[in-house]
Every structure is written in structure tokens, then in C-alpha cells.
Protein backbone atom coordinates (compact mmCIF):
# COMPACT_ATOMS: atom_id res chain seq x y z
CA MET A 1 25.94 116.78 19.07
CA SER A 2 29.47 118.17 18.62
CA LEU A 3 32.77 116.36 18.42
CA SER A 4 34.01 118.26 21.42
CA TYR A 5 31.25 116.57 23.39
CA LEU A 6 32.41 113.27 21.97
CA ALA A 7 35.88 113.83 23.31
CA GLU A 8 34.64 114.86 26.73
CA GLY A 9 32.09 112.04 26.90
CA ALA A 10 34.55 109.26 26.12
CA GLY A 11 33.15 108.77 22.67
CA ASN A 12 29.38 109.13 23.02
CA THR A 13 28.07 108.14 19.62
CA GLY A 14 24.72 109.75 19.14
CA ASN A 15 21.31 108.85 20.53
CA PRO A 16 21.26 105.20 21.70
CA ILE A 17 17.44 105.08 21.58
CA LEU A 18 17.46 106.29 17.98
CA ASN A 19 20.16 103.75 17.10
CA ILE A 20 18.16 100.89 18.62
CA SER A 21 14.93 102.08 16.97
CA VAL A 22 16.47 102.10 13.50
CA PHE A 23 18.06 98.73 14.17
CA ALA A 24 14.74 97.27 15.39
CA ILE A 25 13.01 98.45 12.20
CA PHE A 26 15.69 96.74 10.15
CA ILE A 27 15.37 93.51 12.17
CA VAL A 28 11.61 93.44 11.66
CA ALA A 29 11.98 94.06 7.93
CA THR A 30 14.63 91.38 7.41
CA MET A 31 12.79 88.89 9.64
CA THR A 32 9.77 89.31 7.38
CA VAL A 33 11.96 88.41 4.40
CA VAL A 34 13.34 85.40 6.27
CA LEU A 35 9.86 84.14 7.20
CA ARG A 36 8.67 84.38 3.60
CA ALA A 37 11.77 82.59 2.30
CA GLY A 38 11.57 79.97 5.04
CA LYS A 39 8.16 78.77 3.84
CA THR A 40 9.86 77.27 0.77
CA SER A 41 12.73 75.58 2.68
CA LYS A 42 11.47 72.01 2.81
CA GLU A 43 14.41 69.85 1.76
CA ALA A 44 18.06 69.57 2.78
CA SER A 45 19.13 71.30 -0.44
CA ASP A 46 16.88 74.24 0.44
CA PHE A 47 18.28 74.52 3.95
CA TYR A 48 21.95 74.17 2.95
CA THR A 49 22.13 75.83 -0.47
CA GLY A 50 18.77 77.50 -1.06
CA GLY A 51 17.98 74.78 -3.59
CA GLY A 52 20.66 76.14 -5.94
CA THR A 53 18.16 78.65 -7.31
CA PHE A 54 20.01 81.96 -6.99
CA SER A 55 21.42 83.81 -9.97
CA GLY A 56 25.06 84.82 -10.22
CA ARG A 57 24.19 88.42 -9.45
CA GLN A 58 22.12 87.49 -6.40
CA ASN A 59 24.78 85.12 -5.12
CA GLY A 60 27.49 87.72 -5.75
CA LEU A 61 25.59 90.13 -3.52
CA ALA A 62 25.24 87.41 -0.88
CA ILE A 63 28.96 86.56 -1.07
CA ALA A 64 29.76 90.22 -0.56
CA GLY A 65 27.38 90.22 2.39
CA ASP A 66 29.15 87.15 3.79
CA TYR A 67 32.64 88.51 3.24
CA LEU A 68 32.24 92.14 4.25
CA SER A 69 32.04 91.59 7.99
CA ALA A 70 32.14 94.13 10.80
CA ALA A 71 35.92 93.67 10.83
CA SER A 72 36.08 94.83 7.20
CA PHE A 73 34.03 97.95 7.82
CA LEU A 74 34.97 99.05 11.32
CA GLY A 75 38.35 97.37 11.67
CA ILE A 76 39.95 98.46 8.41
CA VAL A 77 38.67 102.04 8.62
CA GLY A 78 40.11 102.24 12.14
CA ALA A 79 43.41 100.68 11.07
CA ILE A 80 43.82 103.21 8.25
CA ALA A 81 42.81 106.10 10.51
CA LEU A 82 45.52 105.19 13.03
CA SER A 83 48.20 103.48 10.90
CA GLY A 84 47.65 105.03 7.48
CA TYR A 85 49.32 103.17 4.62
CA ASP A 86 49.90 99.97 6.60
CA GLY A 87 46.23 99.79 7.53
CA PHE A 88 45.25 99.91 3.85
CA LEU A 89 47.36 96.81 3.23
CA TYR A 90 44.60 94.80 4.93
CA SER A 91 42.18 95.98 2.25
CA ILE A 92 44.56 94.90 -0.49
CA GLY A 93 45.06 91.47 1.06
CA PHE A 94 41.35 90.79 1.44
CA PHE A 95 40.64 91.94 -2.13
CA VAL A 96 43.44 90.10 -3.92
CA ALA A 97 42.32 86.90 -2.21
CA TRP A 98 39.26 86.79 -4.47
CA LEU A 99 41.42 86.35 -7.54
CA VAL A 100 42.67 83.07 -6.08
CA ALA A 101 39.10 81.95 -5.43
CA LEU A 102 37.98 82.94 -8.94
CA LEU A 103 40.87 81.42 -10.88
CA LEU A 104 41.46 78.20 -8.94
CA VAL A 105 38.42 77.23 -6.92
CA ALA A 106 35.01 78.65 -7.87
CA GLU A 107 34.03 76.70 -11.01
CA PRO A 108 35.55 73.24 -10.26
CA LEU A 109 34.29 73.39 -6.69
CA ARG A 110 30.74 74.06 -7.89
CA ASN A 111 30.95 71.25 -10.43
CA VAL A 112 32.24 68.61 -8.02
CA GLY A 113 30.50 69.42 -4.75
CA ARG A 114 26.92 69.25 -3.59
CA PHE A 115 26.44 70.76 -0.12
CA THR A 116 29.81 71.24 1.64
CA MET A 117 33.54 71.57 1.05
CA ALA A 118 34.01 67.95 2.20
CA ASP A 119 32.01 66.78 -0.83
CA VAL A 120 34.90 67.93 -3.00
CA LEU A 121 37.67 66.62 -0.77
CA SER A 122 36.13 63.17 -0.44
CA PHE A 123 34.87 62.80 -4.03
CA ARG A 124 37.58 60.38 -5.19
CA LEU A 125 38.97 59.48 -1.75
CA LYS A 126 37.79 57.33 1.11
CA GLN A 127 34.72 59.04 2.52
CA LYS A 128 34.88 58.66 6.29
CA PRO A 129 38.44 59.72 7.23
CA VAL A 130 38.41 62.62 4.79
CA ARG A 131 34.97 63.89 5.84
CA VAL A 132 35.88 63.73 9.53
CA ALA A 133 39.12 65.67 8.95
CA ALA A 134 37.34 68.21 6.74
CA ALA A 135 34.58 68.61 9.30
CA PHE A 136 37.11 69.38 12.05
CA GLY A 137 38.72 72.04 9.87
CA THR A 138 35.34 73.53 8.97
CA ILE A 139 34.14 73.58 12.57
CA PHE A 140 37.32 75.27 13.86
CA VAL A 141 37.34 77.89 11.10
CA THR A 142 33.66 78.73 11.50
CA LEU A 143 33.78 78.64 15.30
CA PHE A 144 36.69 81.06 15.59
CA TYR A 145 35.19 83.28 12.89
CA LEU A 146 31.89 83.08 14.75
CA ILE A 147 33.43 83.93 18.11
CA ALA A 148 35.20 86.89 16.50
CA GLN A 149 31.92 88.23 15.12
CA MET A 150 30.11 87.74 18.42
CA ALA A 151 32.94 89.38 20.34
CA GLY A 152 32.92 92.14 17.73
CA ALA A 153 29.24 92.65 18.47
CA GLY A 154 30.19 93.49 22.05
CA SER A 155 32.71 96.05 20.84
CA LEU A 156 30.21 97.50 18.38
CA VAL A 157 27.60 97.91 21.07
CA SER A 158 29.93 99.95 23.23
CA VAL A 159 30.49 102.31 20.30
CA LEU A 160 27.09 102.41 18.63
CA LEU A 161 24.90 102.46 21.74
CA ASP A 162 27.38 104.14 24.10
CA LEU A 163 27.32 101.21 26.55
CA HIS A 164 30.30 101.07 28.87
CA ASP A 165 29.44 98.28 31.32
CA LYS A 166 30.15 94.66 30.50
CA THR A 167 26.72 93.44 31.59
CA SER A 168 24.92 95.52 28.97
CA GLN A 169 27.38 94.47 26.28
CA SER A 170 26.95 90.82 27.24
CA ILE A 171 23.18 91.11 26.98
CA VAL A 172 23.41 92.54 23.48
CA VAL A 173 25.83 89.80 22.41
CA ALA A 174 23.27 87.27 23.66
CA VAL A 175 20.45 89.05 21.82
CA VAL A 176 22.42 89.09 18.56
CA GLY A 177 23.14 85.38 19.01
CA VAL A 178 19.47 84.54 19.64
CA ILE A 179 18.35 86.53 16.58
CA MET A 180 20.98 84.73 14.52
CA ILE A 181 19.69 81.34 15.68
CA ILE A 182 16.13 82.33 14.78
CA TYR A 183 17.21 83.56 11.33
CA VAL A 184 18.89 80.26 10.48
CA LEU A 185 16.22 78.00 11.98
CA VAL A 186 13.41 79.80 10.19
CA GLY A 187 14.92 80.67 6.84
CA GLY A 188 17.88 78.36 6.24
CA MET A 189 20.19 79.33 3.39
CA LYS A 190 17.39 81.03 1.42
CA GLY A 191 16.48 83.42 4.22
CA THR A 192 20.11 84.06 5.12
CA THR A 193 21.01 84.75 1.49
CA TYR A 194 18.27 87.35 1.10
CA VAL A 195 19.37 89.06 4.34
CA GLN A 196 22.97 89.10 3.11
CA MET A 197 21.91 90.61 -0.23
CA ILE A 198 19.99 93.37 1.56
CA LYS A 199 22.85 93.97 3.95
CA ALA A 200 25.43 94.10 1.13
CA VAL A 201 23.42 96.75 -0.75
CA LEU A 202 22.95 98.82 2.41
CA LEU A 203 26.58 98.53 3.48
CA VAL A 204 28.07 99.39 0.09
CA GLY A 205 25.47 102.13 -0.37
CA GLY A 206 26.27 103.61 3.04
CA VAL A 207 29.98 103.55 2.31
CA VAL A 208 29.42 105.29 -1.06
CA ILE A 209 27.45 108.05 0.65
CA MET A 210 30.09 108.43 3.37
CA THR A 211 32.84 108.59 0.73
CA ILE A 212 31.08 111.38 -1.14
CA LEU A 213 30.43 113.30 2.08
CA VAL A 214 34.11 113.03 3.07
CA PHE A 215 35.18 114.80 -0.12
CA VAL A 216 32.46 117.42 0.43
CA MET A 217 33.65 118.01 4.00
CA VAL A 218 37.35 118.38 3.13
CA LYS A 219 36.44 120.51 0.07
CA GLY A 220 38.89 118.75 -2.21
CA GLY A 221 40.20 115.48 -3.59
CA LEU A 222 42.55 112.81 -2.28
CA THR A 223 45.54 115.16 -2.02
CA THR A 224 43.57 117.59 0.14
CA LEU A 225 42.28 114.69 2.24
CA PHE A 226 45.78 113.29 2.81
CA ASP A 227 47.16 116.72 3.73
CA LYS A 228 44.37 117.30 6.24
CA ALA A 229 44.93 113.85 7.75
CA VAL A 230 48.63 114.62 8.20
CA ASP A 231 47.79 117.96 9.84
CA THR A 232 45.29 116.36 12.23
CA HIS A 233 47.79 113.67 13.21
CA ALA A 234 50.49 116.31 13.72
CA ALA A 235 48.33 118.08 16.32
CA SER A 236 47.43 114.93 18.23
CA GLN A 237 48.74 113.49 21.48
CA TYR A 238 48.60 110.09 19.78
CA LEU A 239 51.44 111.22 17.50
CA ALA A 240 53.63 112.14 20.45
CA SER A 241 53.01 108.79 22.17
CA LYS A 242 54.04 106.83 19.08
CA HIS A 243 57.20 108.87 18.37
CA TYR A 244 56.78 109.19 14.62
CA GLU A 245 56.35 111.96 12.07
CA ALA A 246 52.81 112.84 10.97
CA SER A 247 53.71 112.32 7.31
CA GLN A 248 54.51 108.65 8.04
CA ILE A 249 50.82 107.77 7.83
CA LEU A 250 51.29 108.12 4.05
CA GLU A 251 54.29 105.79 4.00
CA PRO A 252 54.77 102.04 4.58
CA GLY A 253 56.33 100.80 7.80
CA LEU A 254 54.33 102.54 10.51
CA LYS A 255 52.85 99.30 11.82
CA TYR A 256 54.91 96.71 9.95
CA GLY A 257 58.49 96.87 8.71
CA LYS A 258 60.23 98.28 11.77
CA ASP A 259 62.48 95.20 11.94
CA ALA A 260 63.02 91.88 10.19
CA THR A 261 60.54 90.05 12.44
CA SER A 262 57.68 92.49 11.78
CA LYS A 263 58.39 92.37 8.04
CA LEU A 264 58.22 88.58 8.12
CA ASP A 265 55.07 88.75 10.24
CA PHE A 266 53.36 90.91 7.63
CA ILE A 267 54.34 88.52 4.84
CA SER A 268 52.94 85.66 6.91
CA LEU A 269 49.71 87.54 7.54
CA GLY A 270 49.41 88.44 3.86
CA ILE A 271 49.86 84.82 2.80
CA ALA A 272 47.14 83.71 5.22
CA LEU A 273 44.70 86.40 4.08
CA VAL A 274 45.24 85.85 0.36
CA LEU A 275 45.09 82.05 0.50
CA GLY A 276 42.63 81.74 3.37
CA THR A 277 39.67 83.17 1.48
CA ALA A 278 39.74 80.28 -1.02
CA GLY A 279 39.54 77.90 1.95
CA LEU A 280 36.82 79.60 4.01
CA PRO A 281 33.99 77.05 4.27
CA HIS A 282 31.18 79.60 4.54
CA VAL A 283 32.39 81.35 1.37
CA LEU A 284 32.95 78.10 -0.54
CA MET A 285 29.45 76.91 0.39
CA ARG A 286 28.07 79.92 -1.47
CA PHE A 287 29.08 78.38 -4.81
CA TYR A 288 26.45 75.66 -4.30
CA THR A 289 23.56 78.13 -4.12
CA VAL A 290 23.70 78.74 -7.89
CA PRO A 291 22.40 76.30 -10.53
CA THR A 292 25.47 76.14 -12.80
CA ALA A 293 29.23 76.61 -12.80
CA LYS A 294 28.77 79.58 -15.14
CA GLU A 295 26.64 81.27 -12.50
CA ALA A 296 29.31 80.41 -9.91
CA ARG A 297 31.87 82.34 -11.99
CA ARG A 298 29.41 85.20 -12.44
CA SER A 299 28.77 85.33 -8.71
CA VAL A 300 32.48 85.62 -7.95
CA THR A 301 32.82 88.34 -10.59
CA TRP A 302 29.96 90.29 -9.02
CA ALA A 303 31.49 89.75 -5.60
CA ILE A 304 34.88 91.04 -6.78
CA VAL A 305 33.31 94.22 -8.17
CA LEU A 306 31.39 94.91 -4.97
CA ILE A 307 34.16 93.90 -2.58
CA GLY A 308 36.85 95.68 -4.58
CA SER A 309 34.85 98.90 -4.70
CA PHE A 310 34.18 98.63 -0.98
CA TYR A 311 37.84 98.18 -0.04
CA LEU A 312 38.93 101.06 -2.27
CA MET A 313 36.45 103.31 -0.49
CA THR A 314 37.80 102.24 2.91
CA LEU A 315 40.93 104.20 1.96
CA VAL A 316 38.85 107.39 1.76
CA LEU A 317 36.92 106.60 4.93
CA GLY A 318 40.07 105.72 6.87
CA PHE A 319 41.89 108.92 5.98
CA GLY A 320 38.60 110.78 6.36
CA ALA A 321 38.38 109.58 9.96
CA ALA A 322 42.03 110.53 10.47
CA ALA A 323 41.37 114.02 9.10
CA LEU A 324 37.91 114.86 10.46
CA VAL A 325 37.82 112.93 13.74
CA GLY A 326 41.47 112.48 14.65
CA PRO A 327 43.37 109.72 16.47
CA ASP A 328 42.87 111.21 19.93
CA ARG A 329 39.07 111.10 19.76
CA ILE A 330 39.13 107.67 18.18
CA ASN A 331 41.26 106.26 20.99
CA ALA A 332 39.13 107.99 23.65
CA ALA A 333 35.94 106.32 22.42
CA PRO A 334 34.72 102.87 23.47
CA GLY A 335 36.12 100.32 21.06
CA LYS A 336 39.01 102.63 20.14
CA ALA A 337 39.92 101.87 16.49
CA ASN A 338 36.49 100.29 15.94
CA ALA A 339 34.94 103.68 16.73
CA ALA A 340 36.50 105.41 13.72
CA ALA A 341 33.73 104.64 11.21
CA PRO A 342 30.78 105.44 13.55
CA LEU A 343 32.44 108.68 14.70
CA LEU A 344 33.03 109.65 11.08
CA ALA A 345 29.37 108.95 10.26
CA LEU A 346 28.31 111.15 13.16
CA GLU A 347 30.57 113.93 11.94
CA LEU A 348 29.33 113.64 8.36
CA GLY A 349 25.57 113.32 8.85
CA GLY A 350 24.62 113.71 12.50
CA SER A 351 22.72 111.34 14.76
CA ILE A 352 20.22 110.07 12.17
CA PHE A 353 22.97 109.09 9.76
CA MET A 354 24.85 107.58 12.69
CA ALA A 355 21.75 105.52 13.51
CA ALA A 356 21.51 104.23 9.95
CA ILE A 357 25.16 103.20 9.93
CA SER A 358 24.58 101.55 13.32
CA ALA A 359 21.80 99.43 11.86
CA VAL A 360 23.96 98.41 8.91
CA ALA A 361 26.86 97.53 11.21
CA PHE A 362 24.61 95.36 13.39
CA ALA A 363 23.15 93.74 10.28
CA THR A 364 26.69 93.03 9.12
CA VAL A 365 27.39 91.00 12.26
CA LEU A 366 24.02 89.27 12.04
CA ALA A 367 24.36 88.24 8.39
CA VAL A 368 27.91 86.93 8.70
CA VAL A 369 27.11 85.02 11.89
CA ALA A 370 24.05 83.41 10.26
CA GLY A 371 26.08 82.26 7.25
CA LEU A 372 28.74 80.78 9.50
CA ALA A 373 26.15 78.94 11.57
CA ILE A 374 24.67 77.30 8.48
CA THR A 375 28.13 76.21 7.30
CA ALA A 376 29.01 74.59 10.60
CA SER A 377 25.61 72.92 10.93
CA ALA A 378 25.85 71.52 7.39
CA SER A 379 29.28 70.10 8.12
CA VAL A 380 28.05 68.30 11.24
CA ALA A 381 24.81 67.01 9.70
CA HIS A 382 25.99 66.16 6.19
CA ASP A 383 29.64 65.19 6.72
CA ILE A 384 29.61 63.59 10.15
CA TYR A 385 26.04 62.47 10.88
CA ASP A 386 25.00 61.33 7.41
CA ALA A 387 28.24 60.23 5.75
CA VAL A 388 30.08 58.83 8.79
CA LEU A 389 27.59 57.87 11.48
CA ARG A 390 24.75 56.76 9.21
CA ASP A 391 26.81 55.59 6.21
CA GLY A 392 24.90 57.90 3.91
CA LYS A 393 21.56 56.30 4.74
CA SER A 394 19.93 59.11 6.71
CA THR A 395 16.94 60.94 5.25
CA GLU A 396 17.03 64.59 4.32
CA GLU A 397 14.54 65.31 7.12
CA GLU A 398 16.97 63.79 9.63
CA GLN A 399 19.86 65.83 8.25
CA VAL A 400 17.89 69.08 8.48
CA ARG A 401 16.83 68.20 12.03
CA VAL A 402 20.45 67.57 13.06
CA SER A 403 21.43 70.82 11.35
CA ARG A 404 18.86 72.79 13.32
CA ILE A 405 20.02 71.22 16.60
CA THR A 406 23.62 72.02 15.66
CA VAL A 407 22.69 75.64 14.96
CA ILE A 408 21.24 75.96 18.45
CA VAL A 409 24.28 74.33 20.10
CA ILE A 410 26.80 76.35 18.08
CA GLY A 411 24.81 79.53 18.67
CA VAL A 412 24.85 79.01 22.44
CA VAL A 413 28.57 78.18 22.45
CA ALA A 414 29.32 81.24 20.29
CA ILE A 415 27.31 83.48 22.61
CA ILE A 416 29.17 82.23 25.69
CA LEU A 417 32.63 82.37 24.10
CA GLY A 418 31.83 85.69 22.43
CA ILE A 419 30.99 87.21 25.79
CA LEU A 420 34.19 85.79 27.30
CA ALA A 421 36.23 87.05 24.33
CA MET A 422 34.92 90.62 24.38
CA ASP A 423 38.13 91.89 25.97
CA GLN A 424 40.35 89.79 23.75
CA ASN A 425 41.84 90.63 20.38
CA VAL A 426 39.06 90.15 17.83
CA ALA A 427 41.47 90.67 14.94
CA PHE A 428 43.53 87.78 16.30
CA LEU A 429 40.48 85.49 16.22
CA VAL A 430 39.72 86.48 12.62
CA SER A 431 43.33 85.96 11.53
CA LEU A 432 43.24 82.56 13.21
CA ALA A 433 40.21 81.60 11.15
CA PHE A 434 42.00 82.66 7.95
CA ALA A 435 45.19 80.87 8.98
CA ILE A 436 43.31 77.63 9.68
CA ALA A 437 41.42 77.88 6.39
CA ALA A 438 44.61 78.49 4.42
CA SER A 439 46.47 75.72 6.25
CA ALA A 440 43.90 72.96 6.73
CA ASN A 441 41.59 73.43 3.75
CA LEU A 442 43.23 75.06 0.75
CA PRO A 443 46.16 72.63 0.18
CA THR A 444 43.79 69.65 0.20
CA ILE A 445 41.31 71.42 -2.10
CA LEU A 446 44.02 72.20 -4.65
CA TYR A 447 45.55 68.73 -4.45
CA SER A 448 42.12 67.11 -4.84
CA LEU A 449 41.22 69.20 -7.87
CA TYR A 450 44.55 69.25 -9.70
CA TRP A 451 46.74 66.28 -8.65
CA LYS A 452 45.65 62.91 -10.04
CA ARG A 453 47.88 60.89 -7.70
CA PHE A 454 46.56 62.52 -4.53
CA ASN A 455 45.18 59.95 -2.08
CA THR A 456 43.36 59.65 1.24
CA THR A 457 46.56 59.44 3.29
CA GLY A 458 47.78 62.70 1.77
CA ALA A 459 44.46 64.43 2.35
CA VAL A 460 44.20 63.42 6.00
CA ALA A 461 47.87 64.25 6.65
CA SER A 462 47.53 67.67 5.01
CA MET A 463 44.35 68.68 6.84
CA TYR A 464 45.41 67.57 10.30
CA THR A 465 48.94 68.95 9.90
CA GLY A 466 47.68 72.34 8.75
CA LEU A 467 45.02 72.51 11.45
CA ILE A 468 47.27 71.48 14.33
CA ALA A 469 50.22 73.58 13.16
CA ALA A 470 48.12 76.73 12.87
CA LEU A 471 46.54 76.26 16.30
CA VAL A 472 49.81 75.40 18.07
CA LEU A 473 51.88 78.18 16.51
CA ILE A 474 49.33 80.89 17.27
CA PHE A 475 48.89 79.62 20.84
CA PHE A 476 52.64 79.97 21.38
CA SER A 477 52.90 83.31 19.55
CA PRO A 478 53.09 86.92 20.84
CA ALA A 479 49.41 87.25 19.96
CA VAL A 480 48.55 85.15 23.02
CA SER A 481 51.33 85.95 25.49
CA GLY A 482 54.58 87.81 25.96
CA THR A 483 53.58 91.41 25.20
CA ALA A 484 51.43 94.13 26.74
CA THR A 485 48.86 93.76 23.95
CA SER A 486 48.64 89.94 24.08
CA MET A 487 45.46 88.09 24.95
CA ILE A 488 47.13 87.01 28.21
CA PRO A 489 49.35 90.02 28.96
CA GLY A 490 50.61 88.71 32.30
CA ALA A 491 52.03 85.48 30.88
CA ASP A 492 54.94 84.71 28.60
CA PHE A 493 55.13 81.30 26.93
CA ALA A 494 55.63 82.61 23.38
CA TRP A 495 58.46 80.80 21.61
CA PHE A 496 57.13 81.41 18.09
CA PRO A 497 58.09 85.00 17.14
CA LEU A 498 55.32 85.71 14.60
CA SER A 499 51.70 86.56 15.38
CA SER A 500 50.49 84.93 12.16
CA PRO A 501 51.51 81.30 11.52
CA GLY A 502 50.69 81.15 7.80
CA ILE A 503 54.25 81.30 6.53
CA VAL A 504 55.00 78.07 8.44
CA SER A 505 51.70 76.18 8.74
CA ILE A 506 50.63 76.53 5.08
CA PRO A 507 53.86 75.06 3.60
CA LEU A 508 53.76 72.33 6.26
CA ALA A 509 50.26 71.35 5.10
CA PHE A 510 51.37 71.21 1.45
CA ILE A 511 54.44 69.13 2.38
CA ALA A 512 52.38 66.76 4.55
CA GLY A 513 49.91 66.26 1.70
CA TYR A 514 52.73 65.47 -0.72
CA LEU A 515 54.56 63.09 1.62
CA GLY A 516 51.35 61.37 2.67
CA THR A 517 50.48 60.76 -0.97
CA VAL A 518 53.95 59.54 -1.94
CA PHE A 519 54.33 57.15 0.98
CA GLY A 520 50.66 56.22 1.47
CA LYS A 521 48.77 53.43 -0.24
CA PRO A 522 46.92 54.32 -3.47
CA ASP A 523 43.13 54.42 -3.15
CA ASN A 524 42.63 52.56 -6.43
CA LEU A 525 39.64 54.74 -7.28
CA ASP A 526 40.77 55.65 -10.79
CA ASP A 527 37.22 55.70 -12.17
CA LEU A 528 36.18 58.29 -9.60
CA GLN A 529 39.32 60.31 -10.30
CA ALA A 530 38.45 60.41 -14.00
CA GLU A 531 34.83 61.31 -13.22
CA MET A 532 35.97 64.11 -10.90
CA GLU A 533 38.27 65.50 -13.59
CA VAL A 534 35.47 65.52 -16.16
CA ARG A 535 32.97 67.07 -13.76
CA SER A 536 35.36 69.74 -12.48
CA LEU A 537 36.24 70.85 -16.03
CA THR A 538 32.89 70.45 -17.79
CA GLY A 539 30.14 70.25 -15.16
CA VAL A 540 28.77 67.03 -16.69
CA GLY A 541 27.01 64.93 -14.07
CA VAL A 542 26.85 67.70 -11.49
CA GLU A 543 23.48 66.65 -10.11
CA ALA A 544 24.50 63.04 -9.46
CA PRO A 545 25.76 62.42 -5.89
CA VAL A 546 28.71 60.06 -5.50
CA ASP A 547 28.29 56.86 -3.46
CA HIS A 548 31.34 54.87 -2.55
């Protein structure tokens, strides 16, 4: 299959039957792993955290599997292929974010918590108001992240299986959602973790192979690759439509930096990406799947190595797609920028290699969606049902049952909203999840861990302020209305000039937490504050749940 055929066929991406066959084989293999792991998931700790039995290396692989979503693989490669230098800035933002998680959050969070992020936030504060606020933040972050992945599945299908009609794409979104529900119900965190480890190895391995093949194809190093990418852009109609020089793909400012507003928007986006990772509930929950704080640190170190290597290789793949496929063919394919990586795989290794990358891409969506579903279900069952509705008196069997019901409900909602959101901006949904995490979760986490005076009033004020501010500002931003590329292109109610609210909502959350603490009543829980400090720094008493 030639690339000329790709251009004429609106981006046909190999043999759909072969793609589905390889994917089906992978599903059967991973489902076998899930079934075997699920046989040992008997208690709540098994379902939520895999019983805390994974090593740092295993958990690092799983974290990488959780973090490296379809947006990381397809989205960033496409962004670099079309926008060059500015597209690579996404890779840098995602990678640097892990340093914040490693230095500030990983070890103390593992020492203080038990199942969910709310365990940390409510440790020395009043349980019910803090858990409810934390649960709302967790549910919104995971839901929008979940919708983005499900909507991304629809985009992936159009590229990987060459499906152009919405009905077929909707069916595949539903199938992915059903498989996700089965994965979580059967295997819990153990099964999901093993799937994420397998997927991380396959994804990073596939990217390594593609990186090597790119250098073989261009017959040179990075300089040769960059020169070829510039030449391909220079000959494209895409270049003429954007009114810029081909060499600008090697310089900053092609996507951001054209004016003061776009520069500020990029700073806002960067703040949300860097700080949001340390507040993502499904990533934070991963620290509880290891037995000790030392293993939590090791897992983050392993994750940084894998994730960092992956994002460095996206630079090669992005410019490889720009050089070997070209912007015109990328934009002519279904999914547009999302088609860059699959089209590059087809160019590098033919249909069979394309099929293998298709399976990995589908597995990427599946693994991330499963991890998100577990996080949301744990928040509902552990933080709302057990701690609030049942005053901590529910049995573990009841919590697991509520979690399984929640998985089904969330899965159905995600399928429906994912289908509805297929034509909407998936990157916007992902950035919203990061903005909410950075605004609603991170300030309260840092205050709880490092500020002795912090109280319940401050925690509740910080979480609700960050959550509401992020949602309101994005709703009234150009991302939703006011431009031709907005989610609602025919409307214009955007009074907030930035697409990313982080530069406003994150400071607001910190300020609200400070003011709430200063003007709110002290909790008078000094003993718990001292215990939390000792546990966060030393890990002593980690296994003992707190009851107050």
C-alpha cells in the first residue's frame, strides 16, 4: 500500500481486518492475564490497590502505562509533525511534571494514605466535608479524562480501521467501554496493573522500533531529519495555508507566541500540565499499590525513566512524520493530526507493523480508561459511601460491591458522553482534567502535607474554589465558543481570553486555602497533625487507618 494511495483514499491506514485481528489477539491475551489476577482480588485493598504487593519496578511500568495515553502517543506526534518546536513543548511539560510528583508528593502521600487521595486530605481534618469535596474533584477529573479517552477512541478508530461513518465509530467506542468495564469488574487494580505493565512495554518498545526505523529511512541523524522535514513542509499546501516559512517548524512561536495573549495562554497551559500531574487522582492512587514508601519513590523513578525516554522519542517520531508523511497527507486522513503516528508506522513497516501499532494504540486507551474507572469507583465507594454515608462502618464487601456498581454506571456515562464528544476537541477535555487536578487537588495536598496550621475550612474552600474556577473559566473561554475551532463554533459567549485557566484558577485555589485557614476555626486535632507529620516523613504507622 503506497502513500500516494493514502492521499487519494483520504488516509486509508492499512488493512482494517488485519488491524482488528491483531487487536483481538491482544485483547484475548490481556483478558487472560486479568482473569488470572482477578482470582486473587478478594478484599477492598486488592480491588483498589492490588493489595499493595507490587514492586517499584512493576508499579513504575504501570504508572507509565497509566500516564502515556493515546493523547501522548498520537496527539504529541501529530502536534510536532504540524507545529514543530511548539508541539514538542507538550512533551516537555508532561515530563517535567513528574519531578513535582517525585519531590513533593510520592513518598508522603504513600505514607499517609490508604486507598484514595481523600485519605491524605482528610487525615488530620474533619472527615465528611473534606472527603465530599475531594470526591467531587476526583470524579470531575476522572470523568473528563475518561470522556477524552473514550472520544479519542472514536478518533483512533477512524484512523486505524479506516472508518468514516459516525455509526461505526460509535459502536467501537461502546465496545471499548464494555471491555473496560469487564476488565475492572473482573481484575480490579491487580488485573488493570498487569495490563498497564504489558501495554507500557509494548508502547515504549514500539516507539523505540519506530525511532530506529525513522533514522534508517532518512539515512542520517537529527540534522538530516530536520532538513528533510523542512523540505517536506516547504512543498506542502499546508504551508501556504498557514502563511509561514518552512524553517519555522524548528523555531518557537509557530503555534504559541504570536501575540501577548497566546504567550500567556501557553504559560497557563504549562502551569496546568506541570502541576496537574501531581494532582491526578488515578496517578496518585498508584502510590498505594506498593508496600513501602521506598518502593513508591522507586516506582516514580522508573516511571520518569520510561516516560522521559518516550517523550524524547516523540521528537523523532513527530519530525519523522513531518518528513516522511507530510502535513498534507496527515490533514487529509481521518483524525487529521491524530493520524500522524499511524501513517508513519505504515510508511516505516507496512500493514503488519501498522496493525501492531494499532493494537498498542487501542490498548493504550483501554488501560488508561480502566485505571480511571477504578479511581472514580474507589472515590465513590470509599470516600462517599463508607466514610460519609455509613460513617466508616461499611464492610469491605459492601465497598467493593458499590465500587463495581459505580464502574458500570461511570462506564455507561463515559460511553454515552464519549460518543457525543467525538466531534469535540479531545485535547480540550484532557487539558480540563489537568486544570481541575492542578486547581482543586494539588493546593490542598501541599497544604495538608506541609502546613501545620491548615484546617478543614481552608481545605474545603481551596478545593471548591479551584474546581469551580477551572470549570467556569474554561466554559467561558475561546476553547468552548467564539472561534472557528471552538467546541461550539456558532456561539460566542467567551469573556475569558485564555483557553487554559490554570494561571488564574490555581492561584485562586491557593489563596482560598490560605484565607479559609486564617479566618476559619481551628480543628483542634493537634495529635492527628503530629501523627500525620511523623507518618509522612518516616512511614511509621502506615498500616493503621485513622478513625476520627
